Amino acid sequence: MGAKGPKGSRTRSGRSYAPAIKTPEIRVTHRREGLSVISTLTNRGKVRRKVFAGAMNADILIDFMKRLVKDARGKKIFLILDNLRVHHTKSVKAWLAACANQIEASSLPPYSPALNPNEMLKAIITAQAPSRAKGDLKKATVSHLRRLLNSPQRIMRYFQHPKLHDAA
């Protein structure tokens, strides 16, 4: 039997086998694996994502938003951001002001993960099997995001949640 705990790369539960007179041992990664994901979901089922190591910073966010604008092909983007500190930096605000005719950003209320469809993605990914080796978390994340790219109906269902009705 394994110890119960939080999901994700910190989970240490699992199954094992040992002869009757030996205590079973399960070796798992004890270091927490870090991974950052920035993604957008649309009410039409489209997903855009970037998976990277390290923390989010203004340069990564601006680069991601530039790619969104390029992919929109002239259509204005209405982007809803959660309240990550980097979303409020001077450089991000300046870039958004300079591109106001192409992209408009607004923020969710503070501490409102129930309003963020991306939080549903995190819950699904971290509920999968715990990572046993370096890179397992990234593989699981990329694999799940690829499946989402091919199932727009699933993304559209996220927006049918009563709290997200206005975003749809």
N, C-alpha and C. Protein backbone atom coordinates (compact mmCIF):
# COMPACT_ATOMS: atom_id res chain seq x y z
N MET A 1 0.85 -1.18 0.00
CA MET A 1 0.00 0.00 0.00
C MET A 1 0.88 1.23 0.00
N GLY A 2 0.48 2.21 -0.72
CA GLY A 2 1.24 3.45 -0.77
C GLY A 2 0.59 4.51 0.10
N ALA A 3 1.35 5.54 0.35
CA ALA A 3 0.84 6.67 1.12
C ALA A 3 -0.10 7.49 0.25
N LYS A 4 -1.16 7.98 0.86
CA LYS A 4 -2.07 8.83 0.11
C LYS A 4 -1.61 10.27 0.25
N GLY A 5 -1.79 11.04 -0.79
CA GLY A 5 -1.36 12.43 -0.74
C GLY A 5 -1.87 13.17 -1.95
N PRO A 6 -1.35 14.36 -2.18
CA PRO A 6 -1.80 15.15 -3.32
C PRO A 6 -1.43 14.49 -4.63
N LYS A 7 -2.19 14.81 -5.65
CA LYS A 7 -1.97 14.24 -6.97
C LYS A 7 -0.77 14.90 -7.65
N GLY A 8 -0.40 14.41 -8.84
CA GLY A 8 0.67 15.02 -9.61
C GLY A 8 1.99 14.35 -9.34
N SER A 9 3.07 15.10 -9.51
CA SER A 9 4.39 14.50 -9.38
C SER A 9 4.78 14.26 -7.93
N ARG A 10 3.93 14.67 -6.98
CA ARG A 10 4.23 14.42 -5.57
C ARG A 10 3.60 13.14 -5.05
N THR A 11 2.75 12.50 -5.82
CA THR A 11 2.03 11.32 -5.38
C THR A 11 3.00 10.17 -5.19
N ARG A 12 2.82 9.41 -4.11
CA ARG A 12 3.70 8.28 -3.86
C ARG A 12 2.92 6.98 -3.73
N SER A 13 1.69 6.95 -4.16
CA SER A 13 0.91 5.73 -4.05
C SER A 13 1.21 4.82 -5.23
N GLY A 14 0.96 3.54 -5.06
CA GLY A 14 1.20 2.60 -6.14
C GLY A 14 1.02 1.18 -5.66
N ARG A 15 1.34 0.23 -6.51
CA ARG A 15 1.22 -1.19 -6.18
C ARG A 15 2.58 -1.84 -6.30
N SER A 16 2.76 -2.91 -5.55
CA SER A 16 4.03 -3.63 -5.65
C SER A 16 3.81 -5.09 -5.28
N TYR A 17 4.88 -5.85 -5.44
CA TYR A 17 4.85 -7.26 -5.10
C TYR A 17 6.15 -7.59 -4.39
N ALA A 18 6.06 -8.45 -3.40
CA ALA A 18 7.26 -8.94 -2.72
C ALA A 18 6.96 -10.33 -2.17
N PRO A 19 7.98 -11.16 -2.03
CA PRO A 19 7.77 -12.48 -1.40
C PRO A 19 7.17 -12.30 0.00
N ALA A 20 6.56 -13.35 0.52
CA ALA A 20 5.82 -13.29 1.78
C ALA A 20 6.64 -12.77 2.96
N ILE A 21 7.93 -13.02 3.01
CA ILE A 21 8.70 -12.60 4.17
C ILE A 21 9.43 -11.26 3.98
N LYS A 22 9.26 -10.63 2.84
CA LYS A 22 9.92 -9.35 2.58
C LYS A 22 8.89 -8.23 2.47
N THR A 23 9.26 -7.07 2.97
CA THR A 23 8.40 -5.90 2.87
C THR A 23 8.49 -5.33 1.46
N PRO A 24 7.34 -5.09 0.83
CA PRO A 24 7.40 -4.51 -0.52
C PRO A 24 7.92 -3.08 -0.49
N GLU A 25 8.69 -2.74 -1.49
CA GLU A 25 9.22 -1.38 -1.60
C GLU A 25 8.83 -0.82 -2.96
N ILE A 26 8.48 0.45 -2.96
CA ILE A 26 8.16 1.14 -4.20
C ILE A 26 9.12 2.32 -4.31
N ARG A 27 9.88 2.33 -5.37
CA ARG A 27 10.80 3.45 -5.57
C ARG A 27 10.15 4.44 -6.52
N VAL A 28 10.06 5.65 -6.06
CA VAL A 28 9.48 6.71 -6.88
C VAL A 28 10.39 7.93 -6.83
N THR A 29 10.15 8.83 -7.73
CA THR A 29 10.89 10.08 -7.75
C THR A 29 10.48 10.88 -6.53
N HIS A 30 11.45 11.29 -5.72
CA HIS A 30 11.12 12.06 -4.54
C HIS A 30 11.20 13.55 -4.79
N ARG A 31 11.86 13.92 -5.86
CA ARG A 31 11.92 15.34 -6.21
C ARG A 31 10.70 15.70 -7.01
N ARG A 32 10.13 16.80 -6.67
CA ARG A 32 8.95 17.27 -7.40
C ARG A 32 9.39 17.78 -8.76
N GLU A 33 8.72 17.31 -9.79
CA GLU A 33 9.05 17.74 -11.15
C GLU A 33 8.23 18.98 -11.48
N GLY A 34 8.90 19.99 -11.99
CA GLY A 34 8.21 21.23 -12.33
C GLY A 34 7.95 21.33 -13.83
N LEU A 35 6.83 21.90 -14.16
CA LEU A 35 6.46 22.06 -15.56
C LEU A 35 5.48 23.22 -15.64
N SER A 36 5.64 24.05 -16.64
CA SER A 36 4.72 25.16 -16.83
C SER A 36 4.00 24.99 -18.16
N VAL A 37 2.74 25.37 -18.17
CA VAL A 37 1.92 25.29 -19.37
C VAL A 37 1.15 26.59 -19.48
N ILE A 38 1.18 27.17 -20.66
CA ILE A 38 0.31 28.29 -20.94
C ILE A 38 -0.59 27.82 -22.07
N SER A 39 -1.89 28.04 -21.91
CA SER A 39 -2.81 27.56 -22.93
C SER A 39 -4.01 28.47 -23.04
N THR A 40 -4.63 28.42 -24.20
CA THR A 40 -5.89 29.10 -24.41
C THR A 40 -6.88 28.08 -24.93
N LEU A 41 -8.11 28.25 -24.52
CA LEU A 41 -9.21 27.43 -24.99
C LEU A 41 -10.26 28.37 -25.55
N THR A 42 -10.86 28.01 -26.65
CA THR A 42 -11.94 28.83 -27.18
C THR A 42 -13.26 28.10 -27.03
N ASN A 43 -14.33 28.87 -27.05
CA ASN A 43 -15.65 28.26 -26.95
C ASN A 43 -16.02 27.49 -28.21
N ARG A 44 -15.19 27.57 -29.23
CA ARG A 44 -15.40 26.78 -30.45
C ARG A 44 -14.53 25.52 -30.47
N GLY A 45 -13.83 25.26 -29.36
CA GLY A 45 -13.09 24.02 -29.23
C GLY A 45 -11.65 24.06 -29.67
N LYS A 46 -11.11 25.24 -29.90
CA LYS A 46 -9.72 25.35 -30.34
C LYS A 46 -8.79 25.47 -29.13
N VAL A 47 -7.64 24.82 -29.21
CA VAL A 47 -6.65 24.85 -28.13
C VAL A 47 -5.34 25.37 -28.68
N ARG A 48 -4.72 26.28 -27.97
CA ARG A 48 -3.35 26.72 -28.25
C ARG A 48 -2.58 26.53 -26.96
N ARG A 49 -1.38 25.97 -27.05
CA ARG A 49 -0.63 25.71 -25.82
C ARG A 49 0.86 25.83 -26.03
N LYS A 50 1.55 26.03 -24.92
CA LYS A 50 3.01 26.02 -24.90
C LYS A 50 3.42 25.37 -23.59
N VAL A 51 4.25 24.34 -23.66
CA VAL A 51 4.74 23.62 -22.49
C VAL A 51 6.22 23.95 -22.36
N PHE A 52 6.64 24.34 -21.16
CA PHE A 52 8.04 24.72 -20.98
C PHE A 52 8.47 24.48 -19.54
N ALA A 53 9.77 24.38 -19.34
CA ALA A 53 10.34 24.24 -18.00
C ALA A 53 10.57 25.64 -17.43
N GLY A 54 10.52 25.73 -16.14
CA GLY A 54 10.76 27.02 -15.49
C GLY A 54 9.47 27.78 -15.27
N ALA A 55 9.63 28.98 -14.76
CA ALA A 55 8.48 29.80 -14.41
C ALA A 55 8.06 30.68 -15.58
N MET A 56 6.81 31.04 -15.58
CA MET A 56 6.27 31.96 -16.57
C MET A 56 6.87 33.34 -16.34
N ASN A 57 7.20 34.01 -17.43
CA ASN A 57 7.67 35.40 -17.32
C ASN A 57 7.02 36.21 -18.44
N ALA A 58 7.24 37.52 -18.39
CA ALA A 58 6.59 38.42 -19.35
C ALA A 58 6.99 38.11 -20.79
N ASP A 59 8.25 37.78 -21.03
CA ASP A 59 8.70 37.48 -22.39
C ASP A 59 7.98 36.26 -22.97
N ILE A 60 7.81 35.22 -22.16
CA ILE A 60 7.11 34.02 -22.63
C ILE A 60 5.65 34.35 -22.92
N LEU A 61 5.02 35.10 -22.03
CA LEU A 61 3.61 35.47 -22.24
C LEU A 61 3.43 36.32 -23.49
N ILE A 62 4.29 37.31 -23.68
CA ILE A 62 4.18 38.18 -24.85
C ILE A 62 4.40 37.38 -26.13
N ASP A 63 5.39 36.49 -26.13
CA ASP A 63 5.63 35.63 -27.29
C ASP A 63 4.39 34.79 -27.60
N PHE A 64 3.78 34.23 -26.57
CA PHE A 64 2.58 33.42 -26.75
C PHE A 64 1.44 34.26 -27.33
N MET A 65 1.25 35.46 -26.80
CA MET A 65 0.18 36.33 -27.31
C MET A 65 0.46 36.77 -28.75
N LYS A 66 1.72 36.98 -29.11
CA LYS A 66 2.06 37.32 -30.50
C LYS A 66 1.65 36.19 -31.43
N ARG A 67 1.88 34.94 -31.00
CA ARG A 67 1.48 33.79 -31.81
C ARG A 67 -0.04 33.70 -31.94
N LEU A 68 -0.76 34.05 -30.85
CA LEU A 68 -2.22 34.06 -30.91
C LEU A 68 -2.71 35.07 -31.94
N VAL A 69 -2.12 36.28 -31.91
CA VAL A 69 -2.51 37.34 -32.85
C VAL A 69 -2.23 36.89 -34.28
N LYS A 70 -1.06 36.29 -34.50
CA LYS A 70 -0.71 35.82 -35.85
C LYS A 70 -1.69 34.76 -36.33
N ASP A 71 -2.05 33.81 -35.45
CA ASP A 71 -2.98 32.74 -35.81
C ASP A 71 -4.39 33.25 -36.06
N ALA A 72 -4.74 34.40 -35.47
CA ALA A 72 -6.11 34.94 -35.60
C ALA A 72 -6.36 35.54 -36.98
N ARG A 73 -5.30 35.82 -37.72
CA ARG A 73 -5.39 36.34 -39.10
C ARG A 73 -6.33 37.56 -39.20
N GLY A 74 -6.06 38.55 -38.39
CA GLY A 74 -6.80 39.80 -38.49
C GLY A 74 -8.04 39.90 -37.63
N LYS A 75 -8.51 38.80 -37.07
CA LYS A 75 -9.67 38.86 -36.18
C LYS A 75 -9.20 39.28 -34.79
N LYS A 76 -10.00 40.09 -34.12
CA LYS A 76 -9.63 40.55 -32.78
C LYS A 76 -9.80 39.42 -31.77
N ILE A 77 -8.85 39.33 -30.86
CA ILE A 77 -8.85 38.30 -29.82
C ILE A 77 -9.30 38.94 -28.52
N PHE A 78 -10.21 38.25 -27.85
CA PHE A 78 -10.63 38.65 -26.51
C PHE A 78 -10.09 37.59 -25.56
N LEU A 79 -9.08 37.97 -24.82
CA LEU A 79 -8.34 37.03 -23.97
C LEU A 79 -8.71 37.25 -22.52
N ILE A 80 -9.07 36.18 -21.82
CA ILE A 80 -9.37 36.26 -20.40
C ILE A 80 -8.21 35.63 -19.66
N LEU A 81 -7.57 36.42 -18.81
CA LEU A 81 -6.41 35.96 -18.06
C LEU A 81 -6.80 35.69 -16.61
N ASP A 82 -6.15 34.69 -16.01
CA ASP A 82 -6.30 34.57 -14.57
C ASP A 82 -5.38 35.62 -13.95
N ASN A 83 -5.27 35.68 -12.69
CA ASN A 83 -4.53 36.78 -12.06
C ASN A 83 -3.10 36.41 -11.69
N LEU A 84 -2.42 35.72 -12.57
CA LEU A 84 -1.01 35.45 -12.36
C LEU A 84 -0.25 36.77 -12.35
N ARG A 85 0.68 36.92 -11.48
CA ARG A 85 1.40 38.18 -11.32
C ARG A 85 1.99 38.71 -12.62
N VAL A 86 2.51 37.81 -13.45
CA VAL A 86 3.14 38.23 -14.71
C VAL A 86 2.15 38.90 -15.65
N HIS A 87 0.87 38.60 -15.52
CA HIS A 87 -0.14 39.22 -16.38
C HIS A 87 -0.28 40.71 -16.13
N HIS A 88 0.19 41.17 -15.00
CA HIS A 88 0.05 42.58 -14.62
C HIS A 88 1.36 43.36 -14.69
N THR A 89 2.38 42.81 -15.33
CA THR A 89 3.66 43.51 -15.41
C THR A 89 3.57 44.67 -16.40
N LYS A 90 4.48 45.61 -16.24
CA LYS A 90 4.49 46.79 -17.11
C LYS A 90 4.70 46.42 -18.58
N SER A 91 5.60 45.47 -18.83
CA SER A 91 5.88 45.11 -20.23
C SER A 91 4.68 44.44 -20.89
N VAL A 92 3.95 43.61 -20.17
CA VAL A 92 2.76 42.96 -20.73
C VAL A 92 1.68 44.01 -20.97
N LYS A 93 1.46 44.89 -20.01
CA LYS A 93 0.46 45.95 -20.19
C LYS A 93 0.81 46.86 -21.37
N ALA A 94 2.11 47.18 -21.51
CA ALA A 94 2.54 48.03 -22.63
C ALA A 94 2.31 47.32 -23.96
N TRP A 95 2.63 46.04 -24.03
CA TRP A 95 2.43 45.29 -25.28
C TRP A 95 0.95 45.22 -25.62
N LEU A 96 0.11 44.95 -24.62
CA LEU A 96 -1.34 44.89 -24.86
C LEU A 96 -1.87 46.24 -25.33
N ALA A 97 -1.36 47.33 -24.77
CA ALA A 97 -1.80 48.67 -25.18
C ALA A 97 -1.39 48.95 -26.63
N ALA A 98 -0.18 48.51 -27.00
CA ALA A 98 0.31 48.73 -28.37
C ALA A 98 -0.47 47.89 -29.39
N CYS A 99 -1.04 46.79 -28.97
CA CYS A 99 -1.76 45.89 -29.87
C CYS A 99 -3.26 45.88 -29.58
N ALA A 100 -3.77 46.96 -29.04
CA ALA A 100 -5.17 47.02 -28.59
C ALA A 100 -6.17 46.76 -29.71
N ASN A 101 -5.81 47.04 -30.96
CA ASN A 101 -6.74 46.78 -32.06
C ASN A 101 -6.76 45.30 -32.45
N GLN A 102 -5.80 44.51 -31.96
CA GLN A 102 -5.72 43.09 -32.30
C GLN A 102 -6.09 42.16 -31.16
N ILE A 103 -5.86 42.62 -29.92
CA ILE A 103 -6.09 41.75 -28.76
C ILE A 103 -6.54 42.61 -27.58
N GLU A 104 -7.54 42.11 -26.88
CA GLU A 104 -8.05 42.79 -25.69
C GLU A 104 -8.06 41.78 -24.56
N ALA A 105 -7.44 42.14 -23.45
CA ALA A 105 -7.34 41.23 -22.33
C ALA A 105 -8.14 41.75 -21.14
N SER A 106 -8.78 40.82 -20.46
CA SER A 106 -9.45 41.14 -19.20
C SER A 106 -9.07 40.03 -18.22
N SER A 107 -9.33 40.27 -16.94
CA SER A 107 -8.91 39.32 -15.92
C SER A 107 -10.09 38.70 -15.20
N LEU A 108 -9.92 37.47 -14.79
CA LEU A 108 -10.91 36.81 -13.94
C LEU A 108 -10.85 37.44 -12.56
N PRO A 109 -11.91 37.29 -11.78
CA PRO A 109 -11.83 37.77 -10.39
C PRO A 109 -10.75 36.99 -9.64
N PRO A 110 -10.16 37.61 -8.62
CA PRO A 110 -9.14 36.89 -7.84
C PRO A 110 -9.71 35.61 -7.22
N TYR A 111 -8.87 34.59 -7.11
CA TYR A 111 -9.21 33.32 -6.48
C TYR A 111 -10.49 32.72 -7.04
N SER A 112 -10.52 32.55 -8.36
CA SER A 112 -11.72 31.98 -8.99
C SER A 112 -11.36 30.85 -9.96
N PRO A 113 -10.74 29.77 -9.47
CA PRO A 113 -10.37 28.68 -10.37
C PRO A 113 -11.58 28.00 -11.01
N ALA A 114 -12.75 28.09 -10.39
CA ALA A 114 -13.94 27.46 -10.97
C ALA A 114 -14.36 28.14 -12.26
N LEU A 115 -13.91 29.37 -12.48
CA LEU A 115 -14.27 30.09 -13.70
C LEU A 115 -13.25 29.89 -14.82
N ASN A 116 -12.19 29.17 -14.54
CA ASN A 116 -11.09 29.02 -15.49
C ASN A 116 -11.08 27.61 -16.08
N PRO A 117 -11.47 27.44 -17.35
CA PRO A 117 -11.47 26.11 -17.96
C PRO A 117 -10.09 25.45 -17.96
N ASN A 118 -9.02 26.25 -17.95
CA ASN A 118 -7.68 25.67 -17.90
C ASN A 118 -7.43 24.93 -16.59
N GLU A 119 -8.11 25.32 -15.52
CA GLU A 119 -7.98 24.60 -14.25
C GLU A 119 -8.54 23.19 -14.36
N MET A 120 -9.56 23.02 -15.21
CA MET A 120 -10.11 21.68 -15.45
C MET A 120 -9.05 20.80 -16.12
N LEU A 121 -8.28 21.40 -17.03
CA LEU A 121 -7.19 20.66 -17.68
C LEU A 121 -6.16 20.20 -16.66
N LYS A 122 -5.77 21.10 -15.76
CA LYS A 122 -4.78 20.76 -14.74
C LYS A 122 -5.26 19.60 -13.88
N ALA A 123 -6.52 19.64 -13.49
CA ALA A 123 -7.07 18.58 -12.65
C ALA A 123 -7.01 17.23 -13.36
N ILE A 124 -7.32 17.23 -14.64
CA ILE A 124 -7.31 15.98 -15.41
C ILE A 124 -5.89 15.44 -15.54
N ILE A 125 -4.94 16.31 -15.86
CA ILE A 125 -3.56 15.88 -16.09
C ILE A 125 -2.93 15.37 -14.80
N THR A 126 -3.12 16.09 -13.70
CA THR A 126 -2.49 15.67 -12.45
C THR A 126 -3.18 14.47 -11.82
N ALA A 127 -4.39 14.14 -12.26
CA ALA A 127 -5.08 12.96 -11.75
C ALA A 127 -4.57 11.68 -12.40
N GLN A 128 -3.81 11.82 -13.48
CA GLN A 128 -3.25 10.64 -14.14
C GLN A 128 -2.19 10.02 -13.25
N ALA A 129 -1.65 8.91 -13.68
CA ALA A 129 -0.65 8.19 -12.89
C ALA A 129 0.50 9.11 -12.48
N PRO A 130 1.02 8.93 -11.29
CA PRO A 130 2.13 9.77 -10.84
C PRO A 130 3.38 9.54 -11.67
N SER A 131 4.19 10.56 -11.77
CA SER A 131 5.41 10.41 -12.56
C SER A 131 6.42 9.57 -11.79
N ARG A 132 7.00 8.62 -12.46
CA ARG A 132 8.01 7.74 -11.85
C ARG A 132 9.41 8.11 -12.30
N ALA A 133 9.52 8.81 -13.39
CA ALA A 133 10.83 9.18 -13.91
C ALA A 133 10.75 10.60 -14.45
N LYS A 134 11.91 11.24 -14.54
CA LYS A 134 11.96 12.60 -15.06
C LYS A 134 11.38 12.62 -16.48
N GLY A 135 10.51 13.54 -16.73
CA GLY A 135 9.91 13.65 -18.04
C GLY A 135 8.52 13.05 -18.15
N ASP A 136 8.11 12.22 -17.16
CA ASP A 136 6.79 11.60 -17.23
C ASP A 136 5.67 12.64 -17.17
N LEU A 137 5.83 13.66 -16.34
CA LEU A 137 4.80 14.68 -16.23
C LEU A 137 4.65 15.44 -17.55
N LYS A 138 5.77 15.75 -18.19
CA LYS A 138 5.71 16.45 -19.47
C LYS A 138 5.05 15.57 -20.53
N LYS A 139 5.41 14.29 -20.56
CA LYS A 139 4.81 13.37 -21.53
C LYS A 139 3.31 13.29 -21.34
N ALA A 140 2.86 13.17 -20.09
CA ALA A 140 1.42 13.08 -19.81
C ALA A 140 0.71 14.36 -20.21
N THR A 141 1.32 15.50 -19.94
CA THR A 141 0.72 16.78 -20.27
C THR A 141 0.60 16.97 -21.76
N VAL A 142 1.70 16.75 -22.48
CA VAL A 142 1.69 16.92 -23.94
C VAL A 142 0.73 15.93 -24.58
N SER A 143 0.70 14.71 -24.09
CA SER A 143 -0.20 13.69 -24.63
C SER A 143 -1.66 14.13 -24.45
N HIS A 144 -2.00 14.61 -23.27
CA HIS A 144 -3.38 15.03 -23.03
C HIS A 144 -3.74 16.24 -23.90
N LEU A 145 -2.84 17.19 -24.00
CA LEU A 145 -3.12 18.37 -24.82
C LEU A 145 -3.27 18.01 -26.30
N ARG A 146 -2.50 17.04 -26.77
CA ARG A 146 -2.66 16.58 -28.16
C ARG A 146 -4.03 15.95 -28.39
N ARG A 147 -4.48 15.16 -27.40
CA ARG A 147 -5.81 14.56 -27.52
C ARG A 147 -6.88 15.65 -27.57
N LEU A 148 -6.69 16.71 -26.80
CA LEU A 148 -7.67 17.81 -26.81
C LEU A 148 -7.72 18.52 -28.16
N LEU A 149 -6.56 18.63 -28.80
CA LEU A 149 -6.53 19.26 -30.12
C LEU A 149 -7.45 18.55 -31.10
N ASN A 150 -7.61 17.25 -30.91
CA ASN A 150 -8.42 16.44 -31.82
C ASN A 150 -9.85 16.22 -31.32
N SER A 151 -10.23 16.88 -30.23
CA SER A 151 -11.59 16.71 -29.72
C SER A 151 -12.20 18.05 -29.31
N PRO A 152 -12.53 18.89 -30.29
CA PRO A 152 -13.09 20.21 -29.97
C PRO A 152 -14.41 20.14 -29.21
N GLN A 153 -15.18 19.06 -29.38
CA GLN A 153 -16.44 18.95 -28.65
C GLN A 153 -16.20 18.91 -27.15
N ARG A 154 -15.13 18.27 -26.75
CA ARG A 154 -14.80 18.19 -25.32
C ARG A 154 -14.49 19.58 -24.77
N ILE A 155 -13.73 20.37 -25.51
CA ILE A 155 -13.41 21.74 -25.08
C ILE A 155 -14.68 22.57 -25.00
N MET A 156 -15.55 22.43 -25.98
CA MET A 156 -16.80 23.20 -25.97
C MET A 156 -17.65 22.85 -24.75
N ARG A 157 -17.58 21.60 -24.29
CA ARG A 157 -18.34 21.21 -23.09
C ARG A 157 -17.83 21.93 -21.85
N TYR A 158 -16.54 22.25 -21.79
CA TYR A 158 -16.02 23.01 -20.65
C TYR A 158 -16.77 24.33 -20.50
N PHE A 159 -17.12 24.93 -21.62
CA PHE A 159 -17.79 26.23 -21.60
C PHE A 159 -19.28 26.12 -21.32
N GLN A 160 -19.81 24.91 -21.24
CA GLN A 160 -21.22 24.73 -20.92
C GLN A 160 -21.47 24.68 -19.42
N HIS A 161 -20.40 24.71 -18.63
CA HIS A 161 -20.52 24.75 -17.18
C HIS A 161 -21.28 26.03 -16.82
N PRO A 162 -22.25 25.96 -15.89
CA PRO A 162 -23.05 27.14 -15.57
C PRO A 162 -22.25 28.40 -15.23
N LYS A 163 -21.12 28.24 -14.57
CA LYS A 163 -20.32 29.41 -14.19
C LYS A 163 -19.58 30.02 -15.38
N LEU A 164 -19.43 29.26 -16.47
CA LEU A 164 -18.72 29.74 -17.64
C LEU A 164 -19.66 30.14 -18.76
N HIS A 165 -20.93 30.15 -18.51
CA HIS A 165 -21.92 30.41 -19.56
C HIS A 165 -21.67 31.73 -20.28
N ASP A 166 -21.28 32.78 -19.57
CA ASP A 166 -21.07 34.09 -20.20
C ASP A 166 -19.89 34.07 -21.15
N ALA A 167 -18.90 33.23 -20.91
CA ALA A 167 -17.74 33.17 -21.80
C ALA A 167 -18.09 32.50 -23.12
N ALA A 168 -19.11 31.67 -23.12
CA ALA A 168 -19.52 30.98 -24.35
C ALA A 168 -20.31 31.92 -25.21
